[in-house]
Amino acid sequence: MGRLSQEHQRRLNLAAGYLAMALIVLVVGLPVWWMISGSLKTSREIYTFPPDWIPRNPRWSNFRDAWQSAPFDRFYLNSIITTVAGSALEVTNATLGAYALAFLRFPFKNVVFAILLAALMIPGQVTILPNYVFFGSTVYDLIGQSWVNTYQAIILPGASVAFGTFLMRQSFLGLPREVLDAAKVDGAGHLRTLWDVVLPMARPVIVTFGLISVVAKWNDYLWPLVITQTENMRTLTVGISSFYDLEGNTQWGVVMAATVFVIFPLLVVFVFVQRFIIEGLTSGATKG
């Protein structure tokens, strides 16, 4: 009787888990499907109620109109440059900082870590004005040229983020110390230990944070909007705002087609790295 009760409870838990996953898929997937569906409709069809979730007469020309209505090739180039360079710098800085906090001994180490935790609580919007003043006035005073409306101004403020250092430190603390001690006995220095021992074992969390960084920089809107002044320096997220008509004549089918252009590269990246995500996010969950 007890065994049957346990089996019944297990099936209920399994059914509840599947139901929760189905609910999450609906909450996340329905807006994405609505965007894809809307990209193949006219504005009149989008406003139809009750809505048609499957386009009756797919309007593929929305994608052509979206591509031709703005310099998407330039937007793509700007987004790729700022995302790849920014994420590479951020992952590099986070890895080096995490290694130092996890394995090195230096004065005020705990104070540095406390400051790092405090930085996690500061919203990024707070730094926009100081960064703009720095890249505009301060840089001009130093080198005689402003960096406003340049790639370096878009990239450098996000080259180091406290979250990445914290995430990787927690993961590094979970690595087997025996392997690190063996590398030290073999005469490996810190850089060799990091490259040959730590990075291979911590690959899941590095890939996970790399994906988080790529998504954040690809979708960043506010800072590129503030620091850029000309259309040829706009990223995709900023450039897509040019499709909105303040007089209320926005062609929403074209806007949604343009939005598909923005999210499609991220979906492709996610397909290739999804197997690392769960392992990477949970690898340091129990370490202090």
C-alpha atoms as a PDB file:
ATOM      1  CA  MET A   1       0.000   0.000   0.000  1.00  0.00           C
ATOM      2  CA  GLY A   2       2.813   2.357   0.879  1.00  0.00           C
ATOM      3  CA  ARG A   3       4.601   1.576  -2.373  1.00  0.00           C
ATOM      4  CA  LEU A   4       1.459   2.395  -4.381  1.00  0.00           C
ATOM      5  CA  SER A   5       1.090   5.652  -2.477  1.00  0.00           C
ATOM      6  CA  GLN A   6       4.679   6.621  -3.264  1.00  0.00           C
ATOM      7  CA  GLU A   7       4.199   5.761  -6.936  1.00  0.00           C
ATOM      8  CA  HIS A   8       1.013   7.850  -7.036  1.00  0.00           C
ATOM      9  CA  GLN A   9       2.853  10.785  -5.415  1.00  0.00           C
ATOM     10  CA  ARG A  10       5.707  10.463  -7.889  1.00  0.00           C
ATOM     11  CA  ARG A  11       3.311  10.595 -10.827  1.00  0.00           C
ATOM     12  CA  LEU A  12       1.558  13.631  -9.372  1.00  0.00           C
ATOM     13  CA  ASN A  13       4.899  15.410  -8.944  1.00  0.00           C
ATOM     14  CA  LEU A  14       5.869  14.494 -12.500  1.00  0.00           C
ATOM     15  CA  ALA A  15       2.546  15.749 -13.870  1.00  0.00           C
ATOM     16  CA  ALA A  16       2.884  18.992 -11.880  1.00  0.00           C
ATOM     17  CA  GLY A  17       6.391  19.479 -13.269  1.00  0.00           C
ATOM     18  CA  TYR A  18       5.239  19.014 -16.851  1.00  0.00           C
ATOM     19  CA  LEU A  19       2.292  21.343 -16.249  1.00  0.00           C
ATOM     20  CA  ALA A  20       4.619  24.026 -14.880  1.00  0.00           C
ATOM     21  CA  MET A  21       6.949  23.651 -17.888  1.00  0.00           C
ATOM     22  CA  ALA A  22       4.004  23.884 -20.285  1.00  0.00           C
ATOM     23  CA  LEU A  23       2.852  27.069 -18.553  1.00  0.00           C
ATOM     24  CA  ILE A  24       6.337  28.589 -18.820  1.00  0.00           C
ATOM     25  CA  VAL A  25       6.508  27.672 -22.517  1.00  0.00           C
ATOM     26  CA  LEU A  26       3.169  29.386 -23.106  1.00  0.00           C
ATOM     27  CA  VAL A  27       4.147  32.533 -21.199  1.00  0.00           C
ATOM     28  CA  VAL A  28       7.478  32.823 -23.015  1.00  0.00           C
ATOM     29  CA  GLY A  29       6.527  31.359 -26.371  1.00  0.00           C
ATOM     30  CA  LEU A  30       3.216  33.062 -27.124  1.00  0.00           C
ATOM     31  CA  PRO A  31       4.682  36.604 -27.410  1.00  0.00           C
ATOM     32  CA  VAL A  32       7.446  35.290 -29.670  1.00  0.00           C
ATOM     33  CA  TRP A  33       4.932  33.455 -31.851  1.00  0.00           C
ATOM     34  CA  TRP A  34       2.740  36.570 -31.972  1.00  0.00           C
ATOM     35  CA  MET A  35       5.731  38.591 -33.166  1.00  0.00           C
ATOM     36  CA  ILE A  36       6.558  36.045 -35.888  1.00  0.00           C
ATOM     37  CA  SER A  37       2.909  35.835 -36.893  1.00  0.00           C
ATOM     38  CA  GLY A  38       2.576  39.628 -36.935  1.00  0.00           C
ATOM     39  CA  SER A  39       5.633  39.949 -39.159  1.00  0.00           C
ATOM     40  CA  LEU A  40       3.593  38.243 -41.893  1.00  0.00           C
ATOM     41  CA  LYS A  41       0.481  40.425 -41.524  1.00  0.00           C
ATOM     42  CA  THR A  42      -0.724  43.889 -42.393  1.00  0.00           C
ATOM     43  CA  SER A  43      -1.471  46.366 -39.611  1.00  0.00           C
ATOM     44  CA  ARG A  44      -5.208  45.821 -40.119  1.00  0.00           C
ATOM     45  CA  GLU A  45      -4.815  42.066 -39.659  1.00  0.00           C
ATOM     46  CA  ILE A  46      -2.760  42.610 -36.515  1.00  0.00           C
ATOM     47  CA  TYR A  47      -5.533  44.720 -34.974  1.00  0.00           C
ATOM     48  CA  THR A  48      -8.187  42.111 -35.794  1.00  0.00           C
ATOM     49  CA  PHE A  49     -10.101  40.744 -32.786  1.00  0.00           C
ATOM     50  CA  PRO A  50     -10.231  37.918 -31.978  1.00  0.00           C
ATOM     51  CA  PRO A  51      -6.672  37.616 -33.263  1.00  0.00           C
ATOM     52  CA  ASP A  52      -5.578  35.201 -35.977  1.00  0.00           C
ATOM     53  CA  TRP A  53      -2.554  33.353 -34.635  1.00  0.00           C
ATOM     54  CA  ILE A  54      -1.751  31.905 -38.043  1.00  0.00           C
ATOM     55  CA  PRO A  55      -1.565  34.394 -40.974  1.00  0.00           C
ATOM     56  CA  ARG A  56      -4.101  33.575 -43.658  1.00  0.00           C
ATOM     57  CA  ASN A  57      -2.188  35.359 -46.407  1.00  0.00           C
ATOM     58  CA  PRO A  58       1.464  35.602 -45.324  1.00  0.00           C
ATOM     59  CA  ARG A  59       2.939  38.955 -46.275  1.00  0.00           C
ATOM     60  CA  TRP A  60       6.604  38.075 -46.875  1.00  0.00           C
ATOM     61  CA  SER A  61       7.216  41.512 -48.334  1.00  0.00           C
ATOM     62  CA  ASN A  62       7.298  42.882 -44.775  1.00  0.00           C
ATOM     63  CA  PHE A  63      10.822  41.495 -44.410  1.00  0.00           C
ATOM     64  CA  ARG A  64      11.943  43.113 -47.657  1.00  0.00           C
ATOM     65  CA  ASP A  65      10.336  46.428 -46.688  1.00  0.00           C
ATOM     66  CA  ALA A  66      11.959  46.311 -43.246  1.00  0.00           C
ATOM     67  CA  TRP A  67      15.404  45.635 -44.695  1.00  0.00           C
ATOM     68  CA  GLN A  68      15.069  48.387 -47.281  1.00  0.00           C
ATOM     69  CA  SER A  69      13.569  50.956 -44.915  1.00  0.00           C
ATOM     70  CA  ALA A  70      16.773  51.293 -42.899  1.00  0.00           C
ATOM     71  CA  PRO A  71      20.483  50.507 -43.350  1.00  0.00           C
ATOM     72  CA  PHE A  72      20.212  47.117 -41.648  1.00  0.00           C
ATOM     73  CA  ASP A  73      23.564  45.985 -43.003  1.00  0.00           C
ATOM     74  CA  ARG A  74      25.234  48.842 -41.119  1.00  0.00           C
ATOM     75  CA  PHE A  75      23.142  48.192 -38.009  1.00  0.00           C
ATOM     76  CA  TYR A  76      24.183  44.538 -38.085  1.00  0.00           C
ATOM     77  CA  LEU A  77      27.845  45.450 -38.478  1.00  0.00           C
ATOM     78  CA  ASN A  78      27.714  47.875 -35.549  1.00  0.00           C
ATOM     79  CA  SER A  79      25.927  45.362 -33.318  1.00  0.00           C
ATOM     80  CA  ILE A  80      28.341  42.563 -34.211  1.00  0.00           C
ATOM     81  CA  ILE A  81      31.406  44.721 -33.538  1.00  0.00           C
ATOM     82  CA  THR A  82      30.159  46.080 -30.213  1.00  0.00           C
ATOM     83  CA  THR A  83      28.795  42.724 -29.051  1.00  0.00           C
ATOM     84  CA  VAL A  84      31.825  40.588 -29.939  1.00  0.00           C
ATOM     85  CA  ALA A  85      34.402  43.088 -28.668  1.00  0.00           C
ATOM     86  CA  GLY A  86      32.416  43.996 -25.570  1.00  0.00           C
ATOM     87  CA  SER A  87      31.667  40.398 -24.604  1.00  0.00           C
ATOM     88  CA  ALA A  88      35.272  39.306 -25.195  1.00  0.00           C
ATOM     89  CA  LEU A  89      36.556  42.061 -22.895  1.00  0.00           C
ATOM     90  CA  GLU A  90      33.896  41.363 -20.288  1.00  0.00           C
ATOM     91  CA  VAL A  91      34.543  37.607 -20.178  1.00  0.00           C
ATOM     92  CA  THR A  92      38.309  38.179 -20.043  1.00  0.00           C
ATOM     93  CA  ASN A  93      38.069  40.685 -17.195  1.00  0.00           C
ATOM     94  CA  ALA A  94      35.586  38.522 -15.297  1.00  0.00           C
ATOM     95  CA  THR A  95      37.797  35.443 -15.643  1.00  0.00           C
ATOM     96  CA  LEU A  96      40.948  37.201 -14.455  1.00  0.00           C
ATOM     97  CA  GLY A  97      39.143  38.910 -11.587  1.00  0.00           C
ATOM     98  CA  ALA A  98      37.445  35.695 -10.491  1.00  0.00           C
ATOM     99  CA  TYR A  99      40.726  33.780 -10.527  1.00  0.00           C
ATOM    100  CA  ALA A 100      42.353  36.435  -8.342  1.00  0.00           C
ATOM    101  CA  LEU A 101      39.487  36.446  -5.836  1.00  0.00           C
ATOM    102  CA  ALA A 102      39.299  32.651  -5.723  1.00  0.00           C
ATOM    103  CA  PHE A 103      42.948  31.573  -5.622  1.00  0.00           C
ATOM    104  CA  LEU A 104      45.284  34.500  -4.895  1.00  0.00           C
ATOM    105  CA  ARG A 105      46.193  36.032  -1.576  1.00  0.00           C
ATOM    106  CA  PHE A 106      46.506  39.805  -1.384  1.00  0.00           C
ATOM    107  CA  PRO A 107      45.735  42.568   1.137  1.00  0.00           C
ATOM    108  CA  PHE A 108      42.095  43.604   1.598  1.00  0.00           C
ATOM    109  CA  LYS A 109      40.857  40.709  -0.504  1.00  0.00           C
ATOM    110  CA  ASN A 110      37.599  40.484   1.445  1.00  0.00           C
ATOM    111  CA  VAL A 111      37.110  44.237   1.139  1.00  0.00           C
ATOM    112  CA  VAL A 112      37.479  44.004  -2.645  1.00  0.00           C
ATOM    113  CA  PHE A 113      34.922  41.201  -2.726  1.00  0.00           C
ATOM    114  CA  ALA A 114      32.518  43.248  -0.588  1.00  0.00           C
ATOM    115  CA  ILE A 115      32.866  46.186  -2.977  1.00  0.00           C
ATOM    116  CA  LEU A 116      32.166  43.789  -5.836  1.00  0.00           C
ATOM    117  CA  LEU A 117      28.956  42.652  -4.140  1.00  0.00           C
ATOM    118  CA  ALA A 118      27.962  46.269  -3.534  1.00  0.00           C
ATOM    119  CA  ALA A 119      28.484  47.025  -7.235  1.00  0.00           C
ATOM    120  CA  LEU A 120      25.875  44.384  -8.077  1.00  0.00           C
ATOM    121  CA  MET A 121      23.258  46.592  -6.441  1.00  0.00           C
ATOM    122  CA  ILE A 122      23.974  49.687  -8.550  1.00  0.00           C
ATOM    123  CA  PRO A 123      21.676  50.077 -11.579  1.00  0.00           C
ATOM    124  CA  GLY A 124      23.497  50.581 -14.850  1.00  0.00           C
ATOM    125  CA  GLN A 125      21.407  53.654 -15.628  1.00  0.00           C
ATOM    126  CA  VAL A 126      23.150  55.510 -12.794  1.00  0.00           C
ATOM    127  CA  THR A 127      26.453  55.457 -14.687  1.00  0.00           C
ATOM    128  CA  ILE A 128      25.151  56.797 -17.999  1.00  0.00           C
ATOM    129  CA  LEU A 129      25.695  60.503 -17.275  1.00  0.00           C
ATOM    130  CA  PRO A 130      29.206  60.080 -15.761  1.00  0.00           C
ATOM    131  CA  ASN A 131      30.230  57.869 -18.682  1.00  0.00           C
ATOM    132  CA  TYR A 132      28.924  60.366 -21.212  1.00  0.00           C
ATOM    133  CA  VAL A 133      30.812  63.209 -19.542  1.00  0.00           C
ATOM    134  CA  PHE A 134      33.969  61.087 -19.443  1.00  0.00           C
ATOM    135  CA  PHE A 135      33.912  60.065 -23.116  1.00  0.00           C
ATOM    136  CA  GLY A 136      32.899  63.552 -24.176  1.00  0.00           C
ATOM    137  CA  SER A 137      34.722  66.118 -22.047  1.00  0.00           C
ATOM    138  CA  THR A 138      37.395  64.186 -20.143  1.00  0.00           C
ATOM    139  CA  VAL A 139      38.679  62.221 -23.125  1.00  0.00           C
ATOM    140  CA  TYR A 140      38.710  65.411 -25.192  1.00  0.00           C
ATOM    141  CA  ASP A 141      40.844  67.134 -22.555  1.00  0.00           C
ATOM    142  CA  LEU A 142      43.263  64.193 -22.527  1.00  0.00           C
ATOM    143  CA  ILE A 143      43.724  63.444 -26.234  1.00  0.00           C
ATOM    144  CA  GLY A 144      42.086  66.418 -27.945  1.00  0.00           C
ATOM    145  CA  GLN A 145      39.314  64.322 -29.490  1.00  0.00           C
ATOM    146  CA  SER A 146      35.906  63.301 -28.174  1.00  0.00           C
ATOM    147  CA  TRP A 147      34.937  59.621 -28.240  1.00  0.00           C
ATOM    148  CA  VAL A 148      31.219  60.321 -28.473  1.00  0.00           C
ATOM    149  CA  ASN A 149      29.721  58.467 -31.449  1.00  0.00           C
ATOM    150  CA  THR A 150      32.556  55.909 -31.600  1.00  0.00           C
ATOM    151  CA  TYR A 151      32.814  52.150 -31.131  1.00  0.00           C
ATOM    152  CA  GLN A 152      35.122  52.453 -28.150  1.00  0.00           C
ATOM    153  CA  ALA A 153      32.598  54.619 -26.314  1.00  0.00           C
ATOM    154  CA  ILE A 154      29.883  51.996 -26.847  1.00  0.00           C
ATOM    155  CA  ILE A 155      32.108  49.094 -25.810  1.00  0.00           C
ATOM    156  CA  LEU A 156      34.299  50.225 -22.910  1.00  0.00           C
ATOM    157  CA  PRO A 157      31.661  51.034 -20.213  1.00  0.00           C
ATOM    158  CA  GLY A 158      30.478  47.423 -20.348  1.00  0.00           C
ATOM    159  CA  ALA A 159      33.920  45.834 -20.568  1.00  0.00           C
ATOM    160  CA  SER A 160      33.765  44.796 -16.910  1.00  0.00           C
ATOM    161  CA  VAL A 161      30.650  43.852 -14.961  1.00  0.00           C
ATOM    162  CA  ALA A 162      30.575  42.735 -11.325  1.00  0.00           C
ATOM    163  CA  PHE A 163      28.059  39.959 -11.972  1.00  0.00           C
ATOM    164  CA  GLY A 164      30.425  38.030 -14.235  1.00  0.00           C
ATOM    165  CA  THR A 165      33.276  38.149 -11.730  1.00  0.00           C
ATOM    166  CA  PHE A 166      30.973  37.024  -8.928  1.00  0.00           C
ATOM    167  CA  LEU A 167      29.468  34.179 -10.982  1.00  0.00           C
ATOM    168  CA  MET A 168      32.849  32.841 -12.066  1.00  0.00           C
ATOM    169  CA  ARG A 169      34.388  33.163  -8.600  1.00  0.00           C
ATOM    170  CA  GLN A 170      31.615  31.010  -7.173  1.00  0.00           C
ATOM    171  CA  SER A 171      32.238  28.442  -9.890  1.00  0.00           C
ATOM    172  CA  PHE A 172      36.026  28.482  -9.469  1.00  0.00           C
ATOM    173  CA  LEU A 173      35.651  27.803  -5.743  1.00  0.00           C
ATOM    174  CA  GLY A 174      33.936  24.542  -6.622  1.00  0.00           C
ATOM    175  CA  LEU A 175      36.841  23.206  -8.670  1.00  0.00           C
ATOM    176  CA  PRO A 176      38.866  20.336  -7.155  1.00  0.00           C
ATOM    177  CA  ARG A 177      41.826  21.807  -5.308  1.00  0.00           C
ATOM    178  CA  GLU A 178      43.861  18.641  -5.828  1.00  0.00           C
ATOM    179  CA  VAL A 179      44.182  19.371  -9.535  1.00  0.00           C
ATOM    180  CA  LEU A 180      45.277  22.952  -8.844  1.00  0.00           C
ATOM    181  CA  ASP A 181      47.804  21.791  -6.254  1.00  0.00           C
ATOM    182  CA  ALA A 182      49.185  19.248  -8.733  1.00  0.00           C
ATOM    183  CA  ALA A 183      49.652  21.987 -11.320  1.00  0.00           C
ATOM    184  CA  LYS A 184      51.491  24.089  -8.734  1.00  0.00           C
ATOM    185  CA  VAL A 185      53.771  21.149  -7.870  1.00  0.00           C
ATOM    186  CA  ASP A 186      54.575  20.740 -11.570  1.00  0.00           C
ATOM    187  CA  GLY A 187      55.793  24.329 -11.596  1.00  0.00           C
ATOM    188  CA  ALA A 188      52.858  25.918 -13.410  1.00  0.00           C
ATOM    189  CA  GLY A 189      52.470  29.652 -12.859  1.00  0.00           C
ATOM    190  CA  HIS A 190      49.166  31.428 -12.436  1.00  0.00           C
ATOM    191  CA  LEU A 191      48.592  32.108 -16.140  1.00  0.00           C
ATOM    192  CA  ARG A 192      49.398  28.532 -17.119  1.00  0.00           C
ATOM    193  CA  THR A 193      47.198  27.179 -14.318  1.00  0.00           C
ATOM    194  CA  LEU A 194      44.375  29.421 -15.464  1.00  0.00           C
ATOM    195  CA  TRP A 195      44.735  28.473 -19.131  1.00  0.00           C
ATOM    196  CA  ASP A 196      45.475  24.731 -18.848  1.00  0.00           C
ATOM    197  CA  VAL A 197      43.565  23.767 -15.698  1.00  0.00           C
ATOM    198  CA  VAL A 198      40.901  26.259 -14.606  1.00  0.00           C
ATOM    199  CA  LEU A 199      39.437  27.252 -17.962  1.00  0.00           C
ATOM    200  CA  PRO A 200      38.876  23.691 -19.262  1.00  0.00           C
ATOM    201  CA  MET A 201      37.169  22.634 -16.020  1.00  0.00           C
ATOM    202  CA  ALA A 202      35.090  25.828 -15.834  1.00  0.00           C
ATOM    203  CA  ARG A 203      34.037  25.836 -19.486  1.00  0.00           C
ATOM    204  CA  PRO A 204      30.270  25.529 -18.748  1.00  0.00           C
ATOM    205  CA  VAL A 205      30.137  28.644 -16.568  1.00  0.00           C
ATOM    206  CA  ILE A 206      32.363  30.586 -18.979  1.00  0.00           C
ATOM    207  CA  VAL A 207      30.102  29.717 -21.917  1.00  0.00           C
ATOM    208  CA  THR A 208      27.046  30.547 -19.825  1.00  0.00           C
ATOM    209  CA  PHE A 209      28.332  33.952 -18.838  1.00  0.00           C
ATOM    210  CA  GLY A 210      29.491  34.549 -22.399  1.00  0.00           C
ATOM    211  CA  LEU A 211      25.930  33.945 -23.593  1.00  0.00           C
ATOM    212  CA  ILE A 212      24.531  36.237 -20.892  1.00  0.00           C
ATOM    213  CA  SER A 213      27.006  38.926 -21.935  1.00  0.00           C
ATOM    214  CA  VAL A 214      26.261  38.527 -25.642  1.00  0.00           C
ATOM    215  CA  VAL A 215      22.500  38.767 -25.083  1.00  0.00           C
ATOM    216  CA  ALA A 216      22.863  41.825 -22.836  1.00  0.00           C
ATOM    217  CA  LYS A 217      25.114  43.699 -25.259  1.00  0.00           C
ATOM    218  CA  TRP A 218      23.140  42.709 -28.354  1.00  0.00           C
ATOM    219  CA  ASN A 219      19.914  43.937 -26.735  1.00  0.00           C
ATOM    220  CA  ASP A 220      21.398  47.042 -25.098  1.00  0.00           C
ATOM    221  CA  TYR A 221      19.408  50.107 -26.075  1.00  0.00           C
ATOM    222  CA  LEU A 222      19.821  53.026 -23.702  1.00  0.00           C
ATOM    223  CA  TRP A 223      23.607  53.497 -23.733  1.00  0.00           C
ATOM    224  CA  PRO A 224      24.026  53.162 -27.550  1.00  0.00           C
ATOM    225  CA  LEU A 225      21.121  55.581 -27.951  1.00  0.00           C
ATOM    226  CA  VAL A 226      22.790  58.166 -25.689  1.00  0.00           C
ATOM    227  CA  ILE A 227      26.366  57.871 -26.940  1.00  0.00           C
ATOM    228  CA  THR A 228      25.690  57.687 -30.717  1.00  0.00           C
ATOM    229  CA  GLN A 229      24.629  60.655 -32.811  1.00  0.00           C
ATOM    230  CA  THR A 230      24.559  59.493 -36.436  1.00  0.00           C
ATOM    231  CA  GLU A 231      22.606  56.719 -38.145  1.00  0.00           C
ATOM    232  CA  ASN A 232      25.703  54.899 -39.380  1.00  0.00           C
ATOM    233  CA  MET A 233      26.785  54.306 -35.753  1.00  0.00           C
ATOM    234  CA  ARG A 234      23.420  53.002 -34.537  1.00  0.00           C
ATOM    235  CA  THR A 235      23.084  49.421 -33.358  1.00  0.00           C
ATOM    236  CA  LEU A 236      20.129  47.221 -34.267  1.00  0.00           C
ATOM    237  CA  THR A 237      18.154  47.971 -31.121  1.00  0.00           C
ATOM    238  CA  VAL A 238      18.491  51.715 -31.621  1.00  0.00           C
ATOM    239  CA  GLY A 239      18.031  51.602 -35.388  1.00  0.00           C
ATOM    240  CA  ILE A 240      14.768  49.712 -35.126  1.00  0.00           C
ATOM    241  CA  SER A 241      13.220  52.644 -33.275  1.00  0.00           C
ATOM    242  CA  SER A 242      13.252  54.576 -36.552  1.00  0.00           C
ATOM    243  CA  PHE A 243      10.302  52.430 -37.687  1.00  0.00           C
ATOM    244  CA  TYR A 244       7.964  54.007 -35.159  1.00  0.00           C
ATOM    245  CA  ASP A 245       5.767  56.813 -36.480  1.00  0.00           C
ATOM    246  CA  LEU A 246       4.939  59.436 -33.844  1.00  0.00           C
ATOM    247  CA  GLU A 247       1.754  60.318 -35.770  1.00  0.00           C
ATOM    248  CA  GLY A 248       0.345  56.822 -35.238  1.00  0.00           C
ATOM    249  CA  ASN A 249       0.919  55.433 -38.732  1.00  0.00           C
ATOM    250  CA  THR A 250       3.386  52.761 -37.689  1.00  0.00           C
ATOM    251  CA  GLN A 251       3.421  49.706 -39.955  1.00  0.00           C
ATOM    252  CA  TRP A 252       3.483  47.093 -37.240  1.00  0.00           C
ATOM    253  CA  GLY A 253       4.005  44.201 -39.636  1.00  0.00           C
ATOM    254  CA  VAL A 254       7.228  45.827 -40.848  1.00  0.00           C
ATOM    255  CA  VAL A 255       8.265  46.597 -37.248  1.00  0.00           C
ATOM    256  CA  MET A 256       7.787  42.976 -36.221  1.00  0.00           C
ATOM    257  CA  ALA A 257       9.690  41.786 -39.289  1.00  0.00           C
ATOM    258  CA  ALA A 258      12.550  44.081 -38.271  1.00  0.00           C
ATOM    259  CA  THR A 259      12.362  42.667 -34.744  1.00  0.00           C
ATOM    260  CA  VAL A 260      12.762  39.153 -36.165  1.00  0.00           C
ATOM    261  CA  PHE A 261      16.014  40.353 -37.743  1.00  0.00           C
ATOM    262  CA  VAL A 262      17.172  41.423 -34.271  1.00  0.00           C
ATOM    263  CA  ILE A 263      16.368  38.247 -32.325  1.00  0.00           C
ATOM    264  CA  PHE A 264      17.227  35.635 -34.976  1.00  0.00           C
ATOM    265  CA  PRO A 265      21.027  35.709 -34.389  1.00  0.00           C
ATOM    266  CA  LEU A 266      20.502  35.214 -30.648  1.00  0.00           C
ATOM    267  CA  LEU A 267      18.291  32.186 -31.273  1.00  0.00           C
ATOM    268  CA  VAL A 268      21.004  30.664 -33.457  1.00  0.00           C
ATOM    269  CA  VAL A 269      23.649  31.259 -30.772  1.00  0.00           C
ATOM    270  CA  PHE A 270      21.399  29.802 -28.086  1.00  0.00           C
ATOM    271  CA  VAL A 271      20.873  26.579 -30.055  1.00  0.00           C
ATOM    272  CA  PHE A 272      24.618  25.906 -30.051  1.00  0.00           C
ATOM    273  CA  VAL A 273      25.321  26.681 -26.374  1.00  0.00           C
ATOM    274  CA  GLN A 274      22.117  25.674 -24.583  1.00  0.00           C
ATOM    275  CA  ARG A 275      23.621  22.469 -23.149  1.00  0.00           C
ATOM    276  CA  PHE A 276      26.078  24.515 -21.070  1.00  0.00           C
ATOM    277  CA  ILE A 277      23.553  26.881 -19.502  1.00  0.00           C
ATOM    278  CA  ILE A 278      22.043  24.867 -16.643  1.00  0.00           C
ATOM    279  CA  GLU A 279      25.355  23.325 -15.631  1.00  0.00           C
ATOM    280  CA  GLY A 280      27.066  26.694 -15.743  1.00  0.00           C
ATOM    281  CA  LEU A 281      24.467  28.536 -13.677  1.00  0.00           C
ATOM    282  CA  THR A 282      24.351  25.874 -10.957  1.00  0.00           C
ATOM    283  CA  SER A 283      28.016  24.911 -10.792  1.00  0.00           C
ATOM    284  CA  GLY A 284      28.863  27.260  -7.905  1.00  0.00           C
ATOM    285  CA  ALA A 285      25.494  27.403  -6.178  1.00  0.00           C
ATOM    286  CA  THR A 286      26.609  25.748  -2.925  1.00  0.00           C
ATOM    287  CA  LYS A 287      29.929  27.509  -2.486  1.00  0.00           C
ATOM    288  CA  GLY A 288      30.483  30.511  -0.220  1.00  0.00           C
END
